[in-house]
Amino acid sequence: LAAAPLDSNHWLRKRWPLVATGVLFLWIGIGVGLVFQNAGTSSRVVIAVSVFDNETGTGEYDRLVSGLSDLVVARLTELAPDRIAVIGNAAVLRQPRNIRNLKAVAEGVEADYVLLGQLQRADSGFRFITHFIRLSDATHLKANRLSFPDGDLKGLEQQVLAEFERAVQQHVLSSD
């Protein structure tokens, strides 16, 4: 007696509930993973801090000005780490002002806002200009000129840090 040939789908027909259950759990796992992955990043506002510009024409202020942008990054990371993410070292943020592109900043680091700063000579000393810009529409939400008469930059760090912290508090943290 010859055995009857088994249907090629016999194995699948007998085990289809098990296979279907496995596929269902796989899809559920992928869905849950995507939800958790997006939840970690979408709940925080991203603030980019561009390297600040020394527009005095004097190279001796280069380190002071670029170091000041690093101090702003450090201060903002402490402000509300559960609500804001701060990016300060991406290549797109290290471009000089004459070739800086805010759209490239928005896309390059997926930021919501960018902070810019410039040290300039003024008639009676220096001024530091702060810019707080929403990147979705390139709108200045806050800009301020800080004056340092007689060439004395004493207090520059504290004033710039306080100005940017106020802008973030007012336009990001208080808007929730």
C-alpha atoms as a PDB file:
ATOM      1  CA  LEU A   1       0.000   0.000   0.000  1.00  0.00           C
ATOM      2  CA  ALA A   2       1.268   3.426  -0.927  1.00  0.00           C
ATOM      3  CA  ALA A   3       0.737   6.298   1.456  1.00  0.00           C
ATOM      4  CA  ALA A   4      -1.499   9.060   0.217  1.00  0.00           C
ATOM      5  CA  PRO A   5       0.557  12.148  -0.748  1.00  0.00           C
ATOM      6  CA  LEU A   6       0.288  14.966   1.757  1.00  0.00           C
ATOM      7  CA  ASP A   7      -1.108  18.238   0.511  1.00  0.00           C
ATOM      8  CA  SER A   8       1.726  20.823   0.332  1.00  0.00           C
ATOM      9  CA  ASN A   9      -0.348  23.228   2.437  1.00  0.00           C
ATOM     10  CA  HIS A  10      -1.131  20.615   5.060  1.00  0.00           C
ATOM     11  CA  TRP A  11       1.466  21.970   7.526  1.00  0.00           C
ATOM     12  CA  LEU A  12       0.206  25.541   7.159  1.00  0.00           C
ATOM     13  CA  ARG A  13      -3.461  24.584   7.428  1.00  0.00           C
ATOM     14  CA  LYS A  14      -2.850  22.798  10.703  1.00  0.00           C
ATOM     15  CA  ARG A  15      -0.770  25.636  12.213  1.00  0.00           C
ATOM     16  CA  TRP A  16      -2.320  28.810  10.778  1.00  0.00           C
ATOM     17  CA  PRO A  17      -3.669  30.035  14.152  1.00  0.00           C
ATOM     18  CA  LEU A  18      -0.158  29.807  15.624  1.00  0.00           C
ATOM     19  CA  VAL A  19       1.420  31.596  12.634  1.00  0.00           C
ATOM     20  CA  ALA A  20      -1.278  34.310  12.663  1.00  0.00           C
ATOM     21  CA  THR A  21      -0.775  34.890  16.389  1.00  0.00           C
ATOM     22  CA  GLY A  22       2.993  35.222  15.889  1.00  0.00           C
ATOM     23  CA  VAL A  23       2.532  37.760  13.077  1.00  0.00           C
ATOM     24  CA  LEU A  24       0.037  39.721  15.190  1.00  0.00           C
ATOM     25  CA  PHE A  25       2.476  39.939  18.114  1.00  0.00           C
ATOM     26  CA  LEU A  26       5.265  41.006  15.756  1.00  0.00           C
ATOM     27  CA  TRP A  27       3.141  43.903  14.432  1.00  0.00           C
ATOM     28  CA  ILE A  28       2.110  44.907  17.951  1.00  0.00           C
ATOM     29  CA  GLY A  29       5.757  44.931  19.024  1.00  0.00           C
ATOM     30  CA  ILE A  30       6.783  47.093  16.082  1.00  0.00           C
ATOM     31  CA  GLY A  31       3.917  49.523  16.772  1.00  0.00           C
ATOM     32  CA  VAL A  32       4.727  49.839  20.463  1.00  0.00           C
ATOM     33  CA  GLY A  33       8.408  50.365  19.658  1.00  0.00           C
ATOM     34  CA  LEU A  34       7.614  53.187  17.246  1.00  0.00           C
ATOM     35  CA  VAL A  35       5.307  54.870  19.750  1.00  0.00           C
ATOM     36  CA  PHE A  36       7.973  54.812  22.469  1.00  0.00           C
ATOM     37  CA  GLN A  37      10.682  55.961  20.071  1.00  0.00           C
ATOM     38  CA  ASN A  38       8.639  58.973  18.946  1.00  0.00           C
ATOM     39  CA  ALA A  39       7.406  59.791  22.444  1.00  0.00           C
ATOM     40  CA  GLY A  40      10.938  60.346  23.699  1.00  0.00           C
ATOM     41  CA  THR A  41      11.801  62.976  21.101  1.00  0.00           C
ATOM     42  CA  SER A  42       8.563  64.686  20.184  1.00  0.00           C
ATOM     43  CA  SER A  43       7.704  65.814  23.700  1.00  0.00           C
ATOM     44  CA  ARG A  44      10.784  68.050  24.011  1.00  0.00           C
ATOM     45  CA  VAL A  45      11.295  71.331  22.188  1.00  0.00           C
ATOM     46  CA  VAL A  46      14.633  71.446  20.358  1.00  0.00           C
ATOM     47  CA  ILE A  47      16.700  74.628  20.673  1.00  0.00           C
ATOM     48  CA  ALA A  48      19.803  75.063  18.529  1.00  0.00           C
ATOM     49  CA  VAL A  49      22.551  77.426  19.645  1.00  0.00           C
ATOM     50  CA  SER A  50      24.654  78.698  16.776  1.00  0.00           C
ATOM     51  CA  VAL A  51      28.250  79.686  17.416  1.00  0.00           C
ATOM     52  CA  PHE A  52      28.161  83.402  18.197  1.00  0.00           C
ATOM     53  CA  ASP A  53      29.862  85.861  15.874  1.00  0.00           C
ATOM     54  CA  ASN A  54      32.719  88.227  16.639  1.00  0.00           C
ATOM     55  CA  GLU A  55      32.002  91.154  14.329  1.00  0.00           C
ATOM     56  CA  THR A  56      34.446  93.538  15.999  1.00  0.00           C
ATOM     57  CA  GLY A  57      37.200  92.952  13.462  1.00  0.00           C
ATOM     58  CA  THR A  58      39.523  92.053  16.322  1.00  0.00           C
ATOM     59  CA  GLY A  59      40.549  88.407  16.606  1.00  0.00           C
ATOM     60  CA  GLU A  60      41.285  88.677  20.316  1.00  0.00           C
ATOM     61  CA  TYR A  61      37.518  88.337  20.987  1.00  0.00           C
ATOM     62  CA  ASP A  62      37.027  85.134  18.967  1.00  0.00           C
ATOM     63  CA  ARG A  63      37.515  82.767  21.922  1.00  0.00           C
ATOM     64  CA  LEU A  64      35.378  84.877  24.232  1.00  0.00           C
ATOM     65  CA  VAL A  65      32.475  84.961  21.785  1.00  0.00           C
ATOM     66  CA  SER A  66      32.565  81.285  20.743  1.00  0.00           C
ATOM     67  CA  GLY A  67      33.020  80.254  24.374  1.00  0.00           C
ATOM     68  CA  LEU A  68      29.971  82.309  25.256  1.00  0.00           C
ATOM     69  CA  SER A  69      27.807  80.211  22.938  1.00  0.00           C
ATOM     70  CA  ASP A  70      29.088  77.098  24.746  1.00  0.00           C
ATOM     71  CA  LEU A  71      28.115  78.649  28.098  1.00  0.00           C
ATOM     72  CA  VAL A  72      24.595  79.295  26.785  1.00  0.00           C
ATOM     73  CA  VAL A  73      24.328  75.638  25.730  1.00  0.00           C
ATOM     74  CA  ALA A  74      25.462  74.517  29.185  1.00  0.00           C
ATOM     75  CA  ARG A  75      22.997  76.826  30.973  1.00  0.00           C
ATOM     76  CA  LEU A  76      20.012  75.834  28.831  1.00  0.00           C
ATOM     77  CA  THR A  77      20.673  72.108  29.255  1.00  0.00           C
ATOM     78  CA  GLU A  78      20.185  72.634  33.001  1.00  0.00           C
ATOM     79  CA  LEU A  79      17.061  74.769  32.631  1.00  0.00           C
ATOM     80  CA  ALA A  80      14.417  72.106  31.881  1.00  0.00           C
ATOM     81  CA  PRO A  81      16.010  68.921  30.507  1.00  0.00           C
ATOM     82  CA  ASP A  82      12.692  67.087  30.492  1.00  0.00           C
ATOM     83  CA  ARG A  83      11.108  69.779  28.295  1.00  0.00           C
ATOM     84  CA  ILE A  84      13.867  71.137  26.061  1.00  0.00           C
ATOM     85  CA  ALA A  85      16.708  69.559  24.130  1.00  0.00           C
ATOM     86  CA  VAL A  86      19.682  71.794  23.355  1.00  0.00           C
ATOM     87  CA  ILE A  87      22.005  71.294  20.398  1.00  0.00           C
ATOM     88  CA  GLY A  88      25.201  73.292  20.109  1.00  0.00           C
ATOM     89  CA  ASN A  89      27.911  71.363  18.320  1.00  0.00           C
ATOM     90  CA  ALA A  90      26.391  70.311  15.008  1.00  0.00           C
ATOM     91  CA  ALA A  91      28.395  71.386  11.953  1.00  0.00           C
ATOM     92  CA  VAL A  92      25.473  73.401  10.587  1.00  0.00           C
ATOM     93  CA  LEU A  93      25.616  75.542  13.751  1.00  0.00           C
ATOM     94  CA  ARG A  94      29.319  76.304  13.316  1.00  0.00           C
ATOM     95  CA  GLN A  95      28.884  78.240  10.063  1.00  0.00           C
ATOM     96  CA  PRO A  96      29.869  81.912   9.969  1.00  0.00           C
ATOM     97  CA  ARG A  97      27.030  84.400   9.717  1.00  0.00           C
ATOM     98  CA  ASN A  98      27.647  85.286   6.063  1.00  0.00           C
ATOM     99  CA  ILE A  99      26.875  81.688   4.964  1.00  0.00           C
ATOM    100  CA  ARG A 100      24.559  80.608   7.789  1.00  0.00           C
ATOM    101  CA  ASN A 101      21.241  79.260   6.530  1.00  0.00           C
ATOM    102  CA  LEU A 102      18.368  79.045   9.003  1.00  0.00           C
ATOM    103  CA  LYS A 103      16.463  76.563   6.842  1.00  0.00           C
ATOM    104  CA  ALA A 104      19.531  74.292   6.844  1.00  0.00           C
ATOM    105  CA  VAL A 105      19.707  74.654  10.637  1.00  0.00           C
ATOM    106  CA  ALA A 106      16.035  73.696  10.983  1.00  0.00           C
ATOM    107  CA  GLU A 107      16.442  70.650   8.754  1.00  0.00           C
ATOM    108  CA  GLY A 108      19.954  69.688   9.834  1.00  0.00           C
ATOM    109  CA  VAL A 109      19.263  69.398  13.546  1.00  0.00           C
ATOM    110  CA  GLU A 110      15.435  69.311  13.428  1.00  0.00           C
ATOM    111  CA  ALA A 111      15.286  72.308  15.748  1.00  0.00           C
ATOM    112  CA  ASP A 112      12.262  74.374  16.674  1.00  0.00           C
ATOM    113  CA  TYR A 113      14.245  77.483  17.626  1.00  0.00           C
ATOM    114  CA  VAL A 114      17.729  78.890  17.131  1.00  0.00           C
ATOM    115  CA  LEU A 115      19.726  81.317  19.258  1.00  0.00           C
ATOM    116  CA  LEU A 116      22.186  83.667  17.575  1.00  0.00           C
ATOM    117  CA  GLY A 117      24.522  86.294  19.005  1.00  0.00           C
ATOM    118  CA  GLN A 118      26.947  88.905  17.732  1.00  0.00           C
ATOM    119  CA  LEU A 119      29.574  91.028  19.432  1.00  0.00           C
ATOM    120  CA  GLN A 120      29.961  94.351  17.595  1.00  0.00           C
ATOM    121  CA  ARG A 121      31.843  97.578  18.088  1.00  0.00           C
ATOM    122  CA  ALA A 122      29.682 100.521  19.012  1.00  0.00           C
ATOM    123  CA  ASP A 123      30.444 104.242  19.101  1.00  0.00           C
ATOM    124  CA  SER A 124      31.284 104.094  22.771  1.00  0.00           C
ATOM    125  CA  GLY A 125      32.465 100.533  23.289  1.00  0.00           C
ATOM    126  CA  PHE A 126      30.698  97.280  22.411  1.00  0.00           C
ATOM    127  CA  ARG A 127      27.230  95.852  22.005  1.00  0.00           C
ATOM    128  CA  PHE A 128      26.112  92.229  22.017  1.00  0.00           C
ATOM    129  CA  ILE A 129      22.975  91.421  20.028  1.00  0.00           C
ATOM    130  CA  THR A 130      20.894  88.395  20.984  1.00  0.00           C
ATOM    131  CA  HIS A 131      18.399  86.740  18.629  1.00  0.00           C
ATOM    132  CA  PHE A 132      15.746  84.170  19.552  1.00  0.00           C
ATOM    133  CA  ILE A 133      14.210  82.847  16.313  1.00  0.00           C
ATOM    134  CA  ARG A 134      11.397  80.373  15.679  1.00  0.00           C
ATOM    135  CA  LEU A 135      12.617  78.271  12.758  1.00  0.00           C
ATOM    136  CA  SER A 136       9.251  77.131  11.361  1.00  0.00           C
ATOM    137  CA  ASP A 137       8.679  80.624   9.955  1.00  0.00           C
ATOM    138  CA  ALA A 138      12.043  82.371  10.653  1.00  0.00           C
ATOM    139  CA  THR A 139      10.323  84.809  13.015  1.00  0.00           C
ATOM    140  CA  HIS A 140      12.349  86.759  15.550  1.00  0.00           C
ATOM    141  CA  LEU A 141      10.509  86.262  18.815  1.00  0.00           C
ATOM    142  CA  LYS A 142      13.036  88.318  20.723  1.00  0.00           C
ATOM    143  CA  ALA A 143      16.089  90.394  19.850  1.00  0.00           C
ATOM    144  CA  ASN A 144      18.002  92.605  22.214  1.00  0.00           C
ATOM    145  CA  ARG A 145      21.033  94.896  22.222  1.00  0.00           C
ATOM    146  CA  LEU A 146      23.180  94.718  25.311  1.00  0.00           C
ATOM    147  CA  SER A 147      25.501  97.742  25.656  1.00  0.00           C
ATOM    148  CA  PHE A 148      29.008  97.677  27.098  1.00  0.00           C
ATOM    149  CA  PRO A 149      30.267 101.252  27.089  1.00  0.00           C
ATOM    150  CA  ASP A 150      33.910 102.271  27.223  1.00  0.00           C
ATOM    151  CA  GLY A 151      35.014  98.873  25.865  1.00  0.00           C
ATOM    152  CA  ASP A 152      34.422  97.148  29.204  1.00  0.00           C
ATOM    153  CA  LEU A 153      32.968  93.648  28.642  1.00  0.00           C
ATOM    154  CA  LYS A 154      32.611  92.985  32.358  1.00  0.00           C
ATOM    155  CA  GLY A 155      29.279  91.257  32.932  1.00  0.00           C
ATOM    156  CA  LEU A 156      28.912  90.141  29.291  1.00  0.00           C
ATOM    157  CA  GLU A 157      28.557  86.451  30.154  1.00  0.00           C
ATOM    158  CA  GLN A 158      25.955  86.999  32.873  1.00  0.00           C
ATOM    159  CA  GLN A 159      23.864  89.391  30.765  1.00  0.00           C
ATOM    160  CA  VAL A 160      23.866  87.145  27.680  1.00  0.00           C
ATOM    161  CA  LEU A 161      23.026  84.046  29.733  1.00  0.00           C
ATOM    162  CA  ALA A 162      20.195  85.873  31.497  1.00  0.00           C
ATOM    163  CA  GLU A 163      18.819  87.262  28.210  1.00  0.00           C
ATOM    164  CA  PHE A 164      18.647  83.861  26.504  1.00  0.00           C
ATOM    165  CA  GLU A 165      17.259  82.177  29.609  1.00  0.00           C
ATOM    166  CA  ARG A 166      14.492  84.827  29.781  1.00  0.00           C
ATOM    167  CA  ALA A 167      13.664  84.278  26.101  1.00  0.00           C
ATOM    168  CA  VAL A 168      13.384  80.498  26.539  1.00  0.00           C
ATOM    169  CA  GLN A 169      11.306  80.891  29.687  1.00  0.00           C
ATOM    170  CA  GLN A 170       8.955  83.370  27.991  1.00  0.00           C
ATOM    171  CA  HIS A 171       8.540  81.753  24.572  1.00  0.00           C
ATOM    172  CA  VAL A 172       9.011  78.037  25.225  1.00  0.00           C
ATOM    173  CA  LEU A 173       8.532  77.044  28.837  1.00  0.00           C
ATOM    174  CA  SER A 174       5.661  79.384  29.719  1.00  0.00           C
ATOM    175  CA  SER A 175       3.677  78.517  26.575  1.00  0.00           C
ATOM    176  CA  ASP A 176       2.647  75.062  27.850  1.00  0.00           C
END
